[in-house]
Protein backbone atom coordinates (compact mmCIF):
# COMPACT_ATOMS: atom_id res chain seq x y z
CA MET A 1 -21.41 -13.87 -10.11
CA ILE A 2 -21.41 -11.46 -7.20
CA LYS A 3 -24.47 -9.19 -7.34
CA LYS A 4 -24.05 -6.70 -4.48
CA ILE A 5 -20.85 -5.59 -2.76
CA LEU A 6 -20.58 -3.80 0.55
CA ILE A 7 -17.52 -1.53 0.52
CA ALA A 8 -16.04 -1.60 4.03
CA ASN A 9 -13.88 1.50 3.63
CA ARG A 10 -13.91 5.22 2.90
CA GLY A 11 -12.20 7.90 0.83
CA ASP A 12 -10.63 7.39 -2.58
CA VAL A 13 -10.42 3.60 -2.27
CA ALA A 14 -14.16 3.34 -1.57
CA LEU A 15 -14.80 5.36 -4.72
CA ARG A 16 -12.32 3.22 -6.67
CA VAL A 17 -14.13 0.02 -5.72
CA LEU A 18 -17.52 1.61 -6.36
CA ARG A 19 -16.49 2.61 -9.89
CA ALA A 20 -15.27 -0.90 -10.65
CA CYS A 21 -18.59 -2.28 -9.45
CA ARG A 22 -20.47 0.14 -11.69
CA ASP A 23 -18.37 -0.95 -14.66
CA MET A 24 -19.25 -4.57 -13.89
CA GLY A 25 -22.95 -3.95 -13.26
CA ILE A 26 -22.69 -4.83 -9.56
CA GLU A 27 -24.79 -3.00 -6.95
CA THR A 28 -22.99 -1.24 -4.12
CA VAL A 29 -23.50 -0.57 -0.43
CA ALA A 30 -21.49 2.21 1.19
CA VAL A 31 -20.91 2.13 4.93
CA HIS A 32 -19.87 5.31 6.69
CA SER A 33 -19.19 6.95 10.00
CA THR A 34 -21.13 9.96 11.23
CA ALA A 35 -18.20 12.12 10.04
CA ASP A 36 -18.52 10.77 6.49
CA ALA A 37 -22.30 11.10 6.06
CA ASP A 38 -21.86 13.47 3.09
CA ALA A 39 -18.81 11.75 1.60
CA MET A 40 -18.70 11.15 -2.15
CA HIS A 41 -18.79 7.35 -1.93
CA VAL A 42 -21.91 7.60 0.21
CA ARG A 43 -23.61 9.89 -2.28
CA LEU A 44 -22.84 7.67 -5.26
CA ALA A 45 -23.54 4.20 -3.83
CA ASP A 46 -26.83 2.42 -4.49
CA GLU A 47 -27.40 2.12 -0.73
CA SER A 48 -25.66 3.45 2.36
CA VAL A 49 -25.62 2.54 6.04
CA CYS A 50 -24.21 4.53 8.96
CA ILE A 51 -22.18 2.10 11.06
CA GLY A 52 -21.02 4.28 13.95
CA GLY A 53 -19.32 7.38 15.25
CA ALA A 54 -16.41 9.31 13.80
CA PRO A 55 -13.56 7.36 15.44
CA SER A 56 -12.62 4.39 13.27
CA SER A 57 -12.94 2.09 16.30
CA GLU A 58 -16.65 2.90 16.33
CA SER A 59 -17.19 2.59 12.58
CA TYR A 60 -14.70 1.32 10.00
CA LEU A 61 -13.24 -1.14 12.52
CA ASN A 62 -16.64 -2.07 13.95
CA VAL A 63 -17.04 -5.62 12.65
CA PRO A 64 -20.54 -6.32 14.07
CA SER A 65 -21.90 -3.12 12.51
CA ILE A 66 -20.35 -3.91 9.13
CA ILE A 67 -21.74 -7.46 9.10
CA THR A 68 -25.16 -6.17 10.16
CA ALA A 69 -25.09 -3.62 7.32
CA ALA A 70 -24.27 -6.39 4.84
CA THR A 71 -27.09 -8.56 6.19
CA ILE A 72 -29.83 -5.91 6.14
CA THR A 73 -28.92 -4.72 2.63
CA GLY A 74 -28.63 -8.22 1.18
CA ALA A 75 -25.01 -7.84 0.11
CA ASP A 76 -23.36 -11.10 -0.91
CA ALA A 77 -19.74 -9.90 -0.76
CA ILE A 78 -17.56 -7.44 1.15
CA HIS A 79 -14.62 -5.53 -0.28
CA PRO A 80 -12.34 -4.32 2.54
CA GLY A 81 -10.45 -1.74 0.48
CA VAL A 82 -7.09 -0.54 1.84
CA GLY A 83 -6.21 -0.21 5.51
CA PHE A 84 -8.74 -0.65 8.32
CA LEU A 85 -9.82 -4.34 8.14
CA SER A 86 -8.28 -5.19 4.76
CA GLU A 87 -5.57 -7.43 6.27
CA ASN A 88 -7.47 -8.58 9.34
CA ALA A 89 -7.79 -12.38 9.29
CA ASP A 90 -10.41 -12.37 12.05
CA PHE A 91 -12.62 -10.07 9.98
CA ALA A 92 -12.23 -12.30 6.92
CA ARG A 93 -13.15 -15.27 9.10
CA VAL A 94 -16.32 -13.56 10.34
CA VAL A 95 -17.28 -12.59 6.79
CA ASP A 96 -16.89 -16.21 5.71
CA ALA A 97 -18.85 -17.50 8.73
CA HIS A 98 -21.81 -15.34 7.70
CA GLY A 99 -21.91 -16.83 4.22
CA LEU A 100 -20.48 -13.72 2.57
CA THR A 101 -17.63 -13.56 0.06
CA PHE A 102 -14.51 -11.80 1.31
CA ILE A 103 -12.88 -10.08 -1.65
CA GLY A 104 -9.31 -10.83 -0.70
CA PRO A 105 -6.88 -13.70 -0.21
CA ARG A 106 -7.31 -16.86 1.82
CA ILE A 107 -7.41 -16.45 5.60
CA GLU A 108 -4.26 -18.49 6.15
CA HIS A 109 -2.25 -16.15 3.92
CA ILE A 110 -3.58 -13.01 5.61
CA THR A 111 -2.55 -14.58 8.93
CA ALA A 112 0.89 -15.67 7.76
CA MET A 113 1.78 -12.41 6.03
CA GLY A 114 0.37 -10.26 8.85
CA ASP A 115 3.11 -11.60 11.13
CA LYS A 116 6.45 -10.51 9.70
CA VAL A 117 8.30 -13.38 11.35
CA GLU A 118 5.92 -15.94 9.85
CA ALA A 119 5.97 -14.03 6.55
CA LYS A 120 9.75 -14.40 6.32
CA ARG A 121 9.49 -18.10 7.13
CA THR A 122 6.80 -18.59 4.46
CA ALA A 123 8.83 -16.56 1.96
CA ALA A 124 11.93 -18.66 2.60
CA ASP A 125 9.93 -21.85 2.14
CA SER A 126 8.62 -20.42 -1.14
CA GLY A 127 12.10 -19.69 -2.48
CA LEU A 128 12.28 -15.91 -2.00
CA PRO A 129 15.62 -14.27 -1.09
CA LEU A 130 15.70 -12.79 2.44
CA VAL A 131 17.69 -10.13 4.23
CA PRO A 132 20.08 -12.02 6.56
CA GLY A 133 18.66 -12.01 10.09
CA SER A 134 17.12 -13.97 12.91
CA ASP A 135 15.34 -17.24 12.27
CA GLY A 136 12.08 -16.09 13.80
CA ALA A 137 11.32 -13.93 16.83
CA VAL A 138 14.01 -12.75 19.23
CA ALA A 139 12.85 -12.84 22.85
CA THR A 140 15.86 -11.63 24.86
CA ILE A 141 18.70 -9.17 24.52
CA ASP A 142 21.19 -12.05 24.71
CA GLU A 143 19.54 -13.68 21.70
CA ALA A 144 19.59 -10.33 19.92
CA ARG A 145 23.33 -9.93 20.55
CA SER A 146 24.01 -13.40 19.21
CA VAL A 147 22.08 -12.74 15.99
CA ALA A 148 23.65 -9.31 15.54
CA GLU A 149 27.15 -10.73 15.85
CA GLU A 150 26.31 -13.35 13.23
CA VAL A 151 24.77 -11.05 10.59
CA GLY A 152 26.98 -8.02 11.36
CA TYR A 153 26.20 -4.43 12.35
CA PRO A 154 24.28 -2.30 11.73
CA VAL A 155 21.12 -4.28 12.48
CA LEU A 156 17.44 -3.38 12.38
CA VAL A 157 15.12 -4.44 15.22
CA LYS A 158 11.61 -4.81 13.74
CA ALA A 159 8.14 -5.43 15.15
CA ALA A 160 6.59 -8.67 13.94
CA SER A 161 3.18 -6.99 13.69
CA GLY A 162 2.02 -3.76 12.12
CA GLY A 163 3.84 -1.42 9.78
CA GLY A 164 4.24 2.24 8.88
CA GLY A 165 7.70 2.36 10.39
CA ARG A 166 6.52 1.84 13.96
CA GLY A 167 8.44 -0.64 16.08
CA MET A 168 11.57 -0.30 13.93
CA LYS A 169 14.88 0.73 15.49
CA VAL A 170 18.44 0.72 14.14
CA ALA A 171 21.46 -0.39 16.20
CA ALA A 172 24.62 0.88 14.53
CA THR A 173 26.94 -0.86 17.00
CA ALA A 174 26.79 -3.37 19.83
CA ASP A 175 26.55 -0.49 22.28
CA ASP A 176 23.28 0.64 20.67
CA LEU A 177 21.57 -2.74 20.63
CA ALA A 178 20.05 -2.86 24.13
CA GLU A 179 18.35 0.53 23.70
CA ALA A 180 17.11 -0.32 20.19
CA PHE A 181 15.78 -3.70 21.32
CA SER A 182 13.93 -2.26 24.31
CA SER A 183 12.59 0.74 22.40
CA ALA A 184 11.31 -1.33 19.47
CA ARG A 185 9.48 -3.73 21.81
CA THR A 186 7.90 -0.89 23.79
CA GLU A 187 6.77 0.93 20.64
CA ALA A 188 5.42 -2.28 19.07
CA LYS A 189 3.44 -3.12 22.21
CA ALA A 190 1.89 0.35 22.31
CA ALA A 191 1.08 0.44 18.60
CA PHE A 192 0.04 -3.15 17.90
CA GLY A 193 -0.52 -4.83 21.26
CA ASP A 194 2.33 -7.22 20.45
CA ASP A 195 5.96 -6.71 21.49
CA THR A 196 7.36 -9.54 19.36
CA VAL A 197 10.43 -8.41 17.39
CA TYR A 198 13.03 -9.90 15.11
CA LEU A 199 16.41 -8.79 13.76
CA GLU A 200 17.80 -8.39 10.28
CA ARG A 201 20.84 -6.78 8.68
CA TYR A 202 20.36 -3.06 8.11
CA LEU A 203 20.96 -2.31 4.45
CA ASP A 204 22.82 0.97 4.04
CA ASN A 205 21.06 2.56 1.10
CA PRO A 206 18.60 0.28 -0.68
CA ARG A 207 15.70 0.95 -3.00
CA HIS A 208 12.17 -0.25 -2.23
CA ILE A 209 10.78 -2.26 -5.15
CA GLU A 210 7.54 -4.23 -5.07
CA VAL A 211 6.00 -6.75 -7.44
CA GLN A 212 2.27 -7.12 -8.12
CA VAL A 213 1.09 -10.75 -8.28
CA VAL A 214 -2.39 -12.00 -9.13
CA ALA A 215 -3.68 -15.54 -8.62
CA ASP A 216 -7.01 -17.25 -9.23
CA SER A 217 -8.60 -20.39 -7.77
CA HIS A 218 -7.78 -22.40 -10.91
CA GLY A 219 -4.03 -22.49 -10.35
CA ASN A 220 -3.16 -19.53 -12.58
CA VAL A 221 -0.63 -17.03 -11.19
CA ILE A 222 0.89 -14.04 -12.99
CA HIS A 223 2.94 -10.98 -12.14
CA LEU A 224 2.24 -7.49 -13.44
CA GLY A 225 5.71 -6.06 -13.11
CA GLU A 226 7.27 -3.92 -10.44
CA ARG A 227 6.65 -0.57 -8.79
CA GLU A 228 9.44 1.68 -7.51
CA CYS A 229 8.45 3.01 -4.07
CA SER A 230 11.69 4.49 -2.70
CA VAL A 231 10.54 8.09 -2.20
CA GLN A 232 9.46 7.79 1.42
CA ARG A 233 9.20 9.75 4.61
CA ARG A 234 9.04 7.95 7.95
CA HIS A 235 8.87 4.64 6.05
CA GLN A 236 5.68 5.79 4.28
CA LYS A 237 5.52 6.17 0.51
CA LEU A 238 5.01 9.56 -1.16
CA LEU A 239 5.74 8.95 -4.84
CA GLU A 240 5.72 5.70 -6.79
CA GLU A 241 6.53 4.86 -10.38
CA ALA A 242 6.29 1.92 -12.74
CA PRO A 243 8.48 0.55 -14.08
CA SER A 244 11.50 1.17 -11.84
CA PRO A 245 14.08 3.45 -13.47
CA VAL A 246 16.97 1.18 -12.39
CA LEU A 247 15.87 -2.29 -13.51
CA ASP A 248 16.51 -3.68 -16.96
CA SER A 249 14.20 -6.18 -18.67
CA ALA A 250 16.20 -9.18 -17.45
CA GLN A 251 16.03 -8.04 -13.80
CA ARG A 252 12.34 -7.23 -14.20
CA ASP A 253 11.60 -10.68 -15.58
CA HIS A 254 13.71 -12.33 -12.87
CA ILE A 255 12.06 -10.69 -9.85
CA GLY A 256 8.58 -10.96 -11.37
CA THR A 257 9.04 -14.63 -12.11
CA ILE A 258 10.30 -15.58 -8.66
CA ALA A 259 7.49 -13.56 -7.02
CA ALA A 260 4.84 -15.34 -9.11
CA GLN A 261 6.44 -18.73 -8.48
CA ALA A 262 6.45 -18.07 -4.73
CA ALA A 263 2.77 -17.08 -4.80
CA ALA A 264 1.98 -20.26 -6.73
CA LYS A 265 3.95 -22.42 -4.29
CA MET A 266 2.06 -21.03 -1.30
CA GLY A 267 -1.30 -21.48 -3.06
CA TYR A 268 -2.07 -17.78 -2.96
CA LEU A 269 -5.42 -16.35 -4.11
CA GLY A 270 -6.24 -12.83 -5.28
CA LEU A 271 -4.08 -9.71 -5.38
CA GLY A 272 -0.81 -9.62 -3.48
CA THR A 273 2.24 -7.41 -3.42
CA MET A 274 5.71 -8.81 -2.72
CA GLU A 275 7.93 -6.06 -1.30
CA PHE A 276 11.70 -6.15 -1.70
CA LEU A 277 14.73 -4.09 -0.81
CA TYR A 278 17.13 -3.82 -3.74
CA GLU A 279 20.82 -3.01 -3.28
CA ASN A 280 23.93 -3.75 -5.35
CA GLY A 281 21.97 -5.84 -7.83
CA GLU A 282 20.36 -8.06 -5.17
CA PHE A 283 16.73 -8.36 -4.10
CA PHE A 284 15.71 -9.14 -0.50
CA PHE A 285 12.10 -9.95 0.42
CA ILE A 286 10.78 -7.90 3.35
CA GLU A 287 7.00 -8.41 3.43
CA MET A 288 3.86 -9.19 1.46
CA ASN A 289 0.73 -7.06 1.44
CA THR A 290 -2.37 -9.20 1.07
CA ARG A 291 -4.65 -6.50 -0.30
CA LEU A 292 -5.09 -3.84 -2.93
CA GLN A 293 -2.23 -1.30 -2.75
CA VAL A 294 -2.66 2.47 -2.65
CA GLU A 295 -0.30 2.68 -5.62
CA HIS A 296 -2.13 0.10 -7.76
CA PRO A 297 -3.15 2.68 -10.44
CA ILE A 298 0.36 2.93 -11.90
CA THR A 299 0.32 -0.81 -12.60
CA GLU A 300 -3.08 -0.42 -14.24
CA GLU A 301 -1.73 2.39 -16.42
CA ILE A 302 1.24 0.43 -17.84
CA THR A 303 -0.61 -2.89 -18.26
CA GLY A 304 -4.16 -1.80 -19.13
CA ILE A 305 -5.52 -4.27 -16.55
CA ASP A 306 -8.18 -3.13 -14.05
CA LEU A 307 -6.92 -4.65 -10.80
CA VAL A 308 -10.11 -4.10 -8.82
CA CYS A 309 -12.28 -5.75 -11.45
CA GLU A 310 -9.77 -8.61 -11.59
CA GLN A 311 -9.95 -8.88 -7.80
CA ILE A 312 -13.76 -9.14 -7.88
CA ARG A 313 -13.75 -11.73 -10.67
CA ILE A 314 -11.27 -13.89 -8.76
CA ALA A 315 -13.42 -13.71 -5.61
CA ALA A 316 -16.36 -14.85 -7.74
CA GLY A 317 -14.40 -17.95 -8.80
CA GLU A 318 -13.52 -16.85 -12.32
CA LYS A 319 -10.20 -17.37 -14.08
CA LEU A 320 -7.68 -14.59 -14.65
CA SER A 321 -8.58 -12.48 -17.67
CA VAL A 322 -5.02 -12.76 -19.06
CA THR A 323 -2.12 -15.19 -19.08
CA GLN A 324 1.46 -14.15 -18.35
CA ASP A 325 2.28 -14.27 -22.05
CA GLU A 326 -0.55 -11.81 -22.73
CA VAL A 327 0.66 -9.23 -20.18
CA THR A 328 2.42 -6.33 -21.89
CA PHE A 329 4.15 -3.36 -20.29
CA LYS A 330 3.81 -0.08 -22.15
CA GLY A 331 4.97 3.41 -21.22
CA HIS A 332 5.64 4.85 -17.78
CA ALA A 333 3.39 5.93 -14.89
CA ILE A 334 3.98 7.92 -11.70
CA GLU A 335 1.68 8.42 -8.73
CA CYS A 336 1.93 11.34 -6.29
CA ARG A 337 0.16 10.85 -2.98
CA ILE A 338 -1.49 14.14 -2.06
CA ASN A 339 -1.86 14.36 1.71
CA ALA A 340 -3.57 16.95 3.90
CA GLU A 341 -0.39 17.65 5.80
CA HIS A 342 2.32 20.27 6.02
CA PRO A 343 4.86 19.62 3.23
CA GLU A 344 7.85 19.98 5.58
CA THR A 345 6.70 18.93 9.06
CA PHE A 346 4.15 16.35 7.80
CA PHE A 347 1.72 17.39 10.53
CA PRO A 348 -1.91 16.69 9.47
CA THR A 349 -3.89 19.71 8.25
CA PRO A 350 -7.60 18.81 8.34
CA GLY A 351 -10.13 21.51 7.49
CA THR A 352 -12.71 22.64 4.97
CA VAL A 353 -11.71 22.74 1.31
CA THR A 354 -12.88 26.01 -0.21
CA ASN A 355 -11.21 25.65 -3.60
CA PHE A 356 -10.65 22.31 -5.34
CA HIS A 357 -9.59 21.85 -8.94
CA THR A 358 -8.12 18.68 -10.40
CA ALA A 359 -5.61 18.39 -13.21
CA GLY A 360 -6.72 17.09 -16.59
CA GLY A 361 -5.60 16.44 -20.11
CA PRO A 362 -4.02 13.42 -21.79
CA GLY A 363 -2.47 10.83 -19.51
CA VAL A 364 -3.76 12.36 -16.25
CA ARG A 365 -5.89 10.55 -13.69
CA VAL A 366 -6.94 11.88 -10.28
CA ASP A 367 -8.40 9.50 -7.70
CA SER A 368 -9.95 11.66 -4.98
CA PHE A 369 -13.06 12.04 -2.85
CA LEU A 370 -12.73 15.80 -2.45
CA ASN A 371 -15.04 18.58 -3.59
CA SER A 372 -15.19 22.27 -2.77
CA GLY A 373 -16.88 22.64 0.60
CA TYR A 374 -15.80 19.21 1.84
CA ALA A 375 -14.57 19.15 5.43
CA ILE A 376 -11.53 16.88 5.71
CA PRO A 377 -12.03 15.08 9.04
CA PRO A 378 -9.20 14.77 11.57
CA TYR A 379 -9.95 11.14 12.42
CA TYR A 380 -8.43 9.26 9.49
CA ASP A 381 -5.38 8.94 7.24
CA SER A 382 -4.28 12.22 5.67
CA LEU A 383 -4.35 10.91 2.06
CA ILE A 384 -6.88 13.02 0.14
CA ALA A 385 -5.98 12.44 -3.51
CA LYS A 386 -3.75 10.44 -5.84
CA LEU A 387 -2.41 12.15 -8.94
CA VAL A 388 -1.53 9.47 -11.49
CA VAL A 389 0.17 10.41 -14.75
CA TYR A 390 1.05 8.24 -17.75
CA GLY A 391 3.53 8.93 -20.55
CA ASP A 392 5.08 7.17 -23.50
CA ASP A 393 8.36 6.98 -21.55
CA ARG A 394 9.71 8.29 -18.25
CA GLU A 395 10.76 11.69 -19.60
CA HIS A 396 7.33 12.20 -21.18
CA CYS A 397 5.64 11.10 -17.97
CA LEU A 398 7.64 13.55 -15.83
CA SER A 399 6.85 16.37 -18.24
CA ARG A 400 3.13 15.65 -17.99
CA LEU A 401 3.41 15.31 -14.21
CA ARG A 402 4.99 18.73 -13.84
CA ARG A 403 2.15 20.22 -15.87
CA ALA A 404 -0.51 18.35 -13.88
CA LEU A 405 0.90 19.39 -10.51
CA GLN A 406 0.74 23.04 -11.53
CA GLU A 407 -2.94 22.63 -12.41
CA CYS A 408 -3.98 21.04 -9.11
CA ILE A 409 -5.57 23.35 -6.54
CA ILE A 410 -6.52 22.31 -3.00
CA GLU A 411 -7.05 25.30 -0.73
CA PRO A 412 -6.74 26.73 1.87
CA MET A 413 -4.92 24.09 3.96
CA PRO A 414 -1.29 23.13 3.31
CA THR A 415 -0.90 19.86 1.41
CA SER A 416 1.94 17.80 -0.01
CA LEU A 417 1.33 19.36 -3.46
CA ASP A 418 4.11 21.89 -2.85
CA LEU A 419 6.53 19.10 -1.93
CA HIS A 420 5.72 17.15 -5.10
CA ARG A 421 6.21 20.26 -7.23
CA LYS A 422 9.76 20.49 -5.87
CA LEU A 423 10.41 16.77 -6.22
CA VAL A 424 9.60 16.53 -9.92
CA VAL A 425 12.18 19.18 -10.86
CA ASP A 426 14.93 17.74 -8.67
CA ASP A 427 17.93 16.38 -10.59
CA ASP A 428 17.97 13.11 -8.60
CA ILE A 429 14.32 12.39 -9.38
CA ILE A 430 14.82 13.28 -13.03
CA SER A 431 17.80 10.90 -13.25
CA GLY A 432 16.13 8.20 -11.13
CA ASN A 433 19.04 8.35 -8.69
CA TYR A 434 17.29 7.97 -5.34
CA THR A 435 16.89 5.42 -2.53
CA ILE A 436 14.63 4.97 0.50
CA ARG A 437 16.76 7.41 2.52
CA TRP A 438 17.14 10.02 -0.20
CA LEU A 439 14.17 12.22 0.71
CA GLU A 440 14.99 12.65 4.39
CA GLU A 441 18.79 12.58 4.21
CA GLU A 442 19.52 14.36 0.92
CA PHE A 443 16.54 16.19 -0.58
CA PHE A 444 15.52 18.09 2.55
CA ALA A 445 19.16 18.97 3.21
CA LYS A 446 19.44 20.44 -0.29
CA ASP A 447 16.10 22.19 0.03
CA ASN A 448 17.00 23.77 3.36
CA ALA A 449 20.39 24.86 2.06
CA SER A 450 18.76 26.68 -0.83
């Protein structure tokens, strides 16, 4: 069994991993930048090591410093958390080379799924349905025109590397394609150092639905249902719920089964999330995240399975704690991502928190690293808390969520709390009638009109 884990991350995910380790009796090592010296995960860990300056390039992306910290503290495993190095195959390779356990999937799967072109090829080979598009990378505008004519406009030009909506451009007609192709390549090169792009049909108004899969080294693979992630701004998720309000049990079983079968066929290990677009009753695979997801708590709430503990056990060579037949889905859960950003412009709002109060009561969970007096640094992602609420059914869950959002206080900086308070009383959210374009194209239009 793993005895000491170095947590190569910060914020709420570092605390989440630390708490799982405590539950399992595993010692922890927190690494931190100079900006995070007083952070909660640093205070609570058994040991801590400063690995560099405030910029993530000097600290949380500093592989030599992280490996050195693991060596001097005697850690035998590294958990990469979410973001930073969590899907970096080179980092996983270095961890392995130093005789440490990387708590994540196999290197070949991180590599394959980190390249969206290769991910689509692997998904196709594993039997997953794909959005019609190019068979691999598209190198020239002439190739792009040929593919676009075949799949039909509008088309989406997408970067093969990276994510977060960068390197993605829509061409509504043939006249738009050259500009979209050039712009996507330029943006991808600047953001990811790689200007490789591919094309796929642009779906008009889909939903974003993902499936959690878990696999051990003994050949056991299960799925833990789906998460609805369609409330997005700039291709980044704001609110997630499980189960999806639009799938019935047959659809849920279908997409879960094919996701698990695909993971089994590729010999996957650990936690993975298959992401799909869903439109007119059809699912289309878009990518796979080879790490713990920010929204994992809602799956934990409806299944009762601790995903981080499961992740650690798998890395230690143990079997899954449950079989597919033993997985049960009960109730409904919703997660609101609370960001330190303006609720309308989405500009980051770092600063010192003078008043912090979390919601409580039955069915309410808050994953956060904040405390009154904490200075939110400007160097990292704006996510500062996750409000997770569980109810017996969706209506009960929304009722509890409205109550919990009113109780939350994070002052004085603007946060996305005000946006979430408006969302949970909107008729489209209440009815479950929303898609990935709903927030930006419909909700804000209604809000501005009022």
